[in-house]
Amino acid sequence: MYKYEVIIYWSAEDNAYIAEVPELPGCMADGITYEEALKNARIIIDEWIETAKELGREIPVPKGKLTYA
């Protein structure tokens, strides 16, 4: 289990909750419920890290609360 900050908010435009992982560029997920958005974010974090490893890219170390806000 990774310890990256996940920011979740409601998007009226998308009619869904959006989950962003600021420390992993482009890492975002959505869901009809808050819980679904968080669940999907966990999946996307795993996929983001797996892809970065395959491409030989650096994986950021989790820095914690509000580092990017």
PDB file of N, CA and C in Angstrom:
ATOM      1  N   MET A   1       0.834  -1.180   0.000  1.00  0.00           N
ATOM      2  CA  MET A   1       0.000   0.000   0.000  1.00  0.00           C
ATOM      3  C   MET A   1       0.883   1.249   0.000  1.00  0.00           C
ATOM      4  N   TYR A   2       0.673   2.086  -0.974  1.00  0.00           N
ATOM      5  CA  TYR A   2       1.459   3.315  -1.098  1.00  0.00           C
ATOM      6  C   TYR A   2       0.849   4.409  -0.247  1.00  0.00           C
ATOM      7  N   LYS A   3       1.643   5.396   0.092  1.00  0.00           N
ATOM      8  CA  LYS A   3       1.200   6.446   1.006  1.00  0.00           C
ATOM      9  C   LYS A   3       1.175   7.811   0.340  1.00  0.00           C
ATOM     10  N   TYR A   4       0.681   7.846  -0.883  1.00  0.00           N
ATOM     11  CA  TYR A   4       0.571   9.115  -1.589  1.00  0.00           C
ATOM     12  C   TYR A   4      -0.719   9.823  -1.198  1.00  0.00           C
ATOM     13  N   GLU A   5      -0.634  11.141  -1.141  1.00  0.00           N
ATOM     14  CA  GLU A   5      -1.813  11.948  -0.864  1.00  0.00           C
ATOM     15  C   GLU A   5      -2.784  11.836  -2.030  1.00  0.00           C
ATOM     16  N   VAL A   6      -4.061  11.675  -1.725  1.00  0.00           N
ATOM     17  CA  VAL A   6      -5.113  11.634  -2.743  1.00  0.00           C
ATOM     18  C   VAL A   6      -6.094  12.745  -2.416  1.00  0.00           C
ATOM     19  N   ILE A   7      -6.331  13.613  -3.379  1.00  0.00           N
ATOM     20  CA  ILE A   7      -7.291  14.702  -3.209  1.00  0.00           C
ATOM     21  C   ILE A   7      -8.549  14.323  -3.979  1.00  0.00           C
ATOM     22  N   ILE A   8      -9.683  14.298  -3.281  1.00  0.00           N
ATOM     23  CA  ILE A   8     -10.949  13.907  -3.905  1.00  0.00           C
ATOM     24  C   ILE A   8     -11.922  15.074  -3.833  1.00  0.00           C
ATOM     25  N   TYR A   9     -12.556  15.361  -4.960  1.00  0.00           N
ATOM     26  CA  TYR A   9     -13.540  16.447  -5.009  1.00  0.00           C
ATOM     27  C   TYR A   9     -14.641  16.094  -5.994  1.00  0.00           C
ATOM     28  N   TRP A  10     -15.777  16.745  -5.841  1.00  0.00           N
ATOM     29  CA  TRP A  10     -16.915  16.540  -6.731  1.00  0.00           C
ATOM     30  C   TRP A  10     -16.762  17.424  -7.960  1.00  0.00           C
ATOM     31  N   SER A  11     -16.967  16.864  -9.139  1.00  0.00           N
ATOM     32  CA  SER A  11     -16.944  17.615 -10.390  1.00  0.00           C
ATOM     33  C   SER A  11     -18.344  17.605 -10.984  1.00  0.00           C
ATOM     34  N   ALA A  12     -19.014  18.758 -10.945  1.00  0.00           N
ATOM     35  CA  ALA A  12     -20.349  18.868 -11.534  1.00  0.00           C
ATOM     36  C   ALA A  12     -20.280  18.653 -13.045  1.00  0.00           C
ATOM     37  N   GLU A  13     -19.177  19.096 -13.657  1.00  0.00           N
ATOM     38  CA  GLU A  13     -18.999  18.935 -15.105  1.00  0.00           C
ATOM     39  C   GLU A  13     -18.974  17.460 -15.499  1.00  0.00           C
ATOM     40  N   ASP A  14     -18.296  16.643 -14.703  1.00  0.00           N
ATOM     41  CA  ASP A  14     -18.174  15.211 -14.986  1.00  0.00           C
ATOM     42  C   ASP A  14     -19.259  14.378 -14.301  1.00  0.00           C
ATOM     43  N   ASN A  15     -19.987  15.021 -13.386  1.00  0.00           N
ATOM     44  CA  ASN A  15     -21.009  14.340 -12.603  1.00  0.00           C
ATOM     45  C   ASN A  15     -20.410  13.120 -11.883  1.00  0.00           C
ATOM     46  N   ALA A  16     -19.223  13.341 -11.298  1.00  0.00           N
ATOM     47  CA  ALA A  16     -18.504  12.261 -10.620  1.00  0.00           C
ATOM     48  C   ALA A  16     -17.509  12.867  -9.636  1.00  0.00           C
ATOM     49  N   TYR A  17     -17.056  12.033  -8.708  1.00  0.00           N
ATOM     50  CA  TYR A  17     -15.958  12.422  -7.831  1.00  0.00           C
ATOM     51  C   TYR A  17     -14.657  12.189  -8.586  1.00  0.00           C
ATOM     52  N   ILE A  18     -13.744  13.126  -8.446  1.00  0.00           N
ATOM     53  CA  ILE A  18     -12.432  13.031  -9.087  1.00  0.00           C
ATOM     54  C   ILE A  18     -11.388  12.845  -7.985  1.00  0.00           C
ATOM     55  N   ALA A  19     -10.495  11.892  -8.183  1.00  0.00           N
ATOM     56  CA  ALA A  19      -9.407  11.636  -7.242  1.00  0.00           C
ATOM     57  C   ALA A  19      -8.088  11.920  -7.951  1.00  0.00           C
ATOM     58  N   GLU A  20      -7.345  12.884  -7.436  1.00  0.00           N
ATOM     59  CA  GLU A  20      -6.053  13.246  -8.013  1.00  0.00           C
ATOM     60  C   GLU A  20      -4.938  12.856  -7.054  1.00  0.00           C
ATOM     61  N   VAL A  21      -3.818  12.431  -7.628  1.00  0.00           N
ATOM     62  CA  VAL A  21      -2.629  12.088  -6.850  1.00  0.00           C
ATOM     63  C   VAL A  21      -1.536  13.065  -7.299  1.00  0.00           C
ATOM     64  N   PRO A  22      -1.432  14.210  -6.621  1.00  0.00           N
ATOM     65  CA  PRO A  22      -0.541  15.286  -7.091  1.00  0.00           C
ATOM     66  C   PRO A  22       0.921  14.897  -7.251  1.00  0.00           C
ATOM     67  N   GLU A  23       1.404  13.968  -6.451  1.00  0.00           N
ATOM     68  CA  GLU A  23       2.823  13.605  -6.515  1.00  0.00           C
ATOM     69  C   GLU A  23       3.158  12.699  -7.700  1.00  0.00           C
ATOM     70  N   LEU A  24       2.121  12.167  -8.359  1.00  0.00           N
ATOM     71  CA  LEU A  24       2.322  11.312  -9.529  1.00  0.00           C
ATOM     72  C   LEU A  24       1.673  12.008 -10.727  1.00  0.00           C
ATOM     73  N   PRO A  25       2.449  12.711 -11.527  1.00  0.00           N
ATOM     74  CA  PRO A  25       1.891  13.499 -12.624  1.00  0.00           C
ATOM     75  C   PRO A  25       0.927  12.706 -13.517  1.00  0.00           C
ATOM     76  N   GLY A  26      -0.262  13.276 -13.706  1.00  0.00           N
ATOM     77  CA  GLY A  26      -1.259  12.661 -14.572  1.00  0.00           C
ATOM     78  C   GLY A  26      -2.041  11.536 -13.924  1.00  0.00           C
ATOM     79  N   CYS A  27      -1.781  11.246 -12.667  1.00  0.00           N
ATOM     80  CA  CYS A  27      -2.439  10.133 -11.982  1.00  0.00           C
ATOM     81  C   CYS A  27      -3.765  10.620 -11.411  1.00  0.00           C
ATOM     82  N   MET A  28      -4.858  10.214 -12.062  1.00  0.00           N
ATOM     83  CA  MET A  28      -6.200  10.617 -11.659  1.00  0.00           C
ATOM     84  C   MET A  28      -7.161   9.465 -11.877  1.00  0.00           C
ATOM     85  N   ALA A  29      -8.246   9.475 -11.112  1.00  0.00           N
ATOM     86  CA  ALA A  29      -9.305   8.484 -11.277  1.00  0.00           C
ATOM     87  C   ALA A  29     -10.628   9.172 -10.964  1.00  0.00           C
ATOM     88  N   ASP A  30     -11.708   8.485 -11.248  1.00  0.00           N
ATOM     89  CA  ASP A  30     -13.009   9.034 -10.908  1.00  0.00           C
ATOM     90  C   ASP A  30     -13.915   7.931 -10.389  1.00  0.00           C
ATOM     91  N   GLY A  31     -15.088   8.336  -9.921  1.00  0.00           N
ATOM     92  CA  GLY A  31     -16.050   7.373  -9.425  1.00  0.00           C
ATOM     93  C   GLY A  31     -17.380   8.044  -9.156  1.00  0.00           C
ATOM     94  N   ILE A  32     -18.426   7.266  -9.173  1.00  0.00           N
ATOM     95  CA  ILE A  32     -19.763   7.798  -8.917  1.00  0.00           C
ATOM     96  C   ILE A  32     -19.912   8.160  -7.434  1.00  0.00           C
ATOM     97  N   THR A  33     -19.210   7.438  -6.566  1.00  0.00           N
ATOM     98  CA  THR A  33     -19.200   7.756  -5.145  1.00  0.00           C
ATOM     99  C   THR A  33     -17.783   8.113  -4.718  1.00  0.00           C
ATOM    100  N   TYR A  34     -17.689   8.731  -3.563  1.00  0.00           N
ATOM    101  CA  TYR A  34     -16.394   9.082  -2.988  1.00  0.00           C
ATOM    102  C   TYR A  34     -15.542   7.824  -2.813  1.00  0.00           C
ATOM    103  N   GLU A  35     -16.168   6.789  -2.264  1.00  0.00           N
ATOM    104  CA  GLU A  35     -15.466   5.533  -2.007  1.00  0.00           C
ATOM    105  C   GLU A  35     -14.976   4.888  -3.302  1.00  0.00           C
ATOM    106  N   GLU A  36     -15.794   4.950  -4.344  1.00  0.00           N
ATOM    107  CA  GLU A  36     -15.395   4.374  -5.634  1.00  0.00           C
ATOM    108  C   GLU A  36     -14.219   5.139  -6.226  1.00  0.00           C
ATOM    109  N   ALA A  37     -14.231   6.454  -6.100  1.00  0.00           N
ATOM    110  CA  ALA A  37     -13.123   7.264  -6.613  1.00  0.00           C
ATOM    111  C   ALA A  37     -11.828   6.901  -5.890  1.00  0.00           C
ATOM    112  N   LEU A  38     -11.897   6.707  -4.571  1.00  0.00           N
ATOM    113  CA  LEU A  38     -10.710   6.333  -3.805  1.00  0.00           C
ATOM    114  C   LEU A  38     -10.225   4.938  -4.195  1.00  0.00           C
ATOM    115  N   LYS A  39     -11.150   4.005  -4.345  1.00  0.00           N
ATOM    116  CA  LYS A  39     -10.791   2.642  -4.768  1.00  0.00           C
ATOM    117  C   LYS A  39     -10.101   2.668  -6.130  1.00  0.00           C
ATOM    118  N   ASN A  40     -10.662   3.435  -7.055  1.00  0.00           N
ATOM    119  CA  ASN A  40     -10.073   3.533  -8.390  1.00  0.00           C
ATOM    120  C   ASN A  40      -8.714   4.217  -8.354  1.00  0.00           C
ATOM    121  N   ALA A  41      -8.558   5.192  -7.459  1.00  0.00           N
ATOM    122  CA  ALA A  41      -7.263   5.872  -7.327  1.00  0.00           C
ATOM    123  C   ALA A  41      -6.189   4.888  -6.879  1.00  0.00           C
ATOM    124  N   ARG A  42      -6.533   4.001  -5.968  1.00  0.00           N
ATOM    125  CA  ARG A  42      -5.556   3.003  -5.513  1.00  0.00           C
ATOM    126  C   ARG A  42      -5.105   2.114  -6.674  1.00  0.00           C
ATOM    127  N   ILE A  43      -6.036   1.736  -7.521  1.00  0.00           N
ATOM    128  CA  ILE A  43      -5.706   0.912  -8.692  1.00  0.00           C
ATOM    129  C   ILE A  43      -4.789   1.687  -9.632  1.00  0.00           C
ATOM    130  N   ILE A  44      -5.129   2.948  -9.886  1.00  0.00           N
ATOM    131  CA  ILE A  44      -4.352   3.770 -10.816  1.00  0.00           C
ATOM    132  C   ILE A  44      -2.963   4.062 -10.263  1.00  0.00           C
ATOM    133  N   ILE A  45      -2.836   4.237  -8.955  1.00  0.00           N
ATOM    134  CA  ILE A  45      -1.505   4.436  -8.361  1.00  0.00           C
ATOM    135  C   ILE A  45      -0.629   3.217  -8.644  1.00  0.00           C
ATOM    136  N   ASP A  46      -1.176   2.033  -8.435  1.00  0.00           N
ATOM    137  CA  ASP A  46      -0.416   0.807  -8.721  1.00  0.00           C
ATOM    138  C   ASP A  46       0.001   0.746 -10.180  1.00  0.00           C
ATOM    139  N   GLU A  47      -0.928   1.069 -11.075  1.00  0.00           N
ATOM    140  CA  GLU A  47      -0.631   1.025 -12.515  1.00  0.00           C
ATOM    141  C   GLU A  47       0.386   2.089 -12.900  1.00  0.00           C
ATOM    142  N   TRP A  48       0.275   3.272 -12.301  1.00  0.00           N
ATOM    143  CA  TRP A  48       1.219   4.362 -12.595  1.00  0.00           C
ATOM    144  C   TRP A  48       2.626   3.913 -12.218  1.00  0.00           C
ATOM    145  N   ILE A  49       2.772   3.350 -11.019  1.00  0.00           N
ATOM    146  CA  ILE A  49       4.089   2.921 -10.541  1.00  0.00           C
ATOM    147  C   ILE A  49       4.625   1.762 -11.376  1.00  0.00           C
ATOM    148  N   GLU A  50       3.778   0.829 -11.717  1.00  0.00           N
ATOM    149  CA  GLU A  50       4.195  -0.300 -12.557  1.00  0.00           C
ATOM    150  C   GLU A  50       4.702   0.193 -13.913  1.00  0.00           C
ATOM    151  N   THR A  51       3.992   1.122 -14.503  1.00  0.00           N
ATOM    152  CA  THR A  51       4.402   1.672 -15.803  1.00  0.00           C
ATOM    153  C   THR A  51       5.721   2.430 -15.681  1.00  0.00           C
ATOM    154  N   ALA A  52       5.871   3.227 -14.620  1.00  0.00           N
ATOM    155  CA  ALA A  52       7.116   3.970 -14.414  1.00  0.00           C
ATOM    156  C   ALA A  52       8.300   3.017 -14.282  1.00  0.00           C
ATOM    157  N   LYS A  53       8.104   1.928 -13.555  1.00  0.00           N
ATOM    158  CA  LYS A  53       9.184   0.939 -13.412  1.00  0.00           C
ATOM    159  C   LYS A  53       9.549   0.329 -14.757  1.00  0.00           C
ATOM    160  N   GLU A  54       8.537  -0.028 -15.549  1.00  0.00           N
ATOM    161  CA  GLU A  54       8.778  -0.627 -16.866  1.00  0.00           C
ATOM    162  C   GLU A  54       9.541   0.322 -17.782  1.00  0.00           C
ATOM    163  N   LEU A  55       9.280   1.620 -17.644  1.00  0.00           N
ATOM    164  CA  LEU A  55       9.934   2.620 -18.492  1.00  0.00           C
ATOM    165  C   LEU A  55      11.243   3.131 -17.901  1.00  0.00           C
ATOM    166  N   GLY A  56      11.600   2.641 -16.709  1.00  0.00           N
ATOM    167  CA  GLY A  56      12.832   3.068 -16.061  1.00  0.00           C
ATOM    168  C   GLY A  56      12.778   4.485 -15.525  1.00  0.00           C
ATOM    169  N   ARG A  57      11.584   4.963 -15.231  1.00  0.00           N
ATOM    170  CA  ARG A  57      11.431   6.322 -14.712  1.00  0.00           C
ATOM    171  C   ARG A  57      11.487   6.331 -13.191  1.00  0.00           C
ATOM    172  N   GLU A  58      11.868   7.478 -12.667  1.00  0.00           N
ATOM    173  CA  GLU A  58      11.951   7.641 -11.221  1.00  0.00           C
ATOM    174  C   GLU A  58      10.552   7.648 -10.611  1.00  0.00           C
ATOM    175  N   ILE A  59      10.417   7.011  -9.476  1.00  0.00           N
ATOM    176  CA  ILE A  59       9.141   6.975  -8.757  1.00  0.00           C
ATOM    177  C   ILE A  59       9.283   7.895  -7.548  1.00  0.00           C
ATOM    178  N   PRO A  60       8.466   8.955  -7.490  1.00  0.00           N
ATOM    179  CA  PRO A  60       8.572   9.896  -6.381  1.00  0.00           C
ATOM    180  C   PRO A  60       8.309   9.233  -5.024  1.00  0.00           C
ATOM    181  N   VAL A  61       9.055   9.672  -4.026  1.00  0.00           N
ATOM    182  CA  VAL A  61       8.835   9.215  -2.654  1.00  0.00           C
ATOM    183  C   VAL A  61       7.661  10.029  -2.110  1.00  0.00           C
ATOM    184  N   PRO A  62       6.686   9.385  -1.457  1.00  0.00           N
ATOM    185  CA  PRO A  62       5.562  10.138  -0.892  1.00  0.00           C
ATOM    186  C   PRO A  62       6.064  11.177   0.100  1.00  0.00           C
ATOM    187  N   LYS A  63       5.616  12.408  -0.064  1.00  0.00           N
ATOM    188  CA  LYS A  63       6.075  13.499   0.810  1.00  0.00           C
ATOM    189  C   LYS A  63       5.073  13.860   1.874  1.00  0.00           C
ATOM    190  N   GLY A  64       3.827  13.483   1.686  1.00  0.00           N
ATOM    191  CA  GLY A  64       2.855  13.712   2.750  1.00  0.00           C
ATOM    192  C   GLY A  64       1.894  14.846   2.506  1.00  0.00           C
ATOM    193  N   LYS A  65       1.208  15.167   3.537  1.00  0.00           N
ATOM    194  CA  LYS A  65       0.072  16.084   3.537  1.00  0.00           C
ATOM    195  C   LYS A  65       0.377  17.457   2.944  1.00  0.00           C
ATOM    196  N   LEU A  66      -0.461  17.831   1.991  1.00  0.00           N
ATOM    197  CA  LEU A  66      -0.483  19.168   1.412  1.00  0.00           C
ATOM    198  C   LEU A  66       0.838  19.669   0.866  1.00  0.00           C
ATOM    199  N   THR A  67       1.657  18.786   0.383  1.00  0.00           N
ATOM    200  CA  THR A  67       2.923  19.191  -0.203  1.00  0.00           C
ATOM    201  C   THR A  67       2.702  20.044  -1.447  1.00  0.00           C
ATOM    202  N   TYR A  68       1.641  19.735  -2.198  1.00  0.00           N
ATOM    203  CA  TYR A  68       1.399  20.421  -3.465  1.00  0.00           C
ATOM    204  C   TYR A  68       0.231  21.392  -3.417  1.00  0.00           C
ATOM    205  N   ALA A  69      -0.482  21.468  -2.317  1.00  0.00           N
ATOM    206  CA  ALA A  69      -1.672  22.330  -2.264  1.00  0.00           C
ATOM    207  C   ALA A  69      -1.291  23.767  -1.998  1.00  0.00           C
TER     208      ALA A  69
END
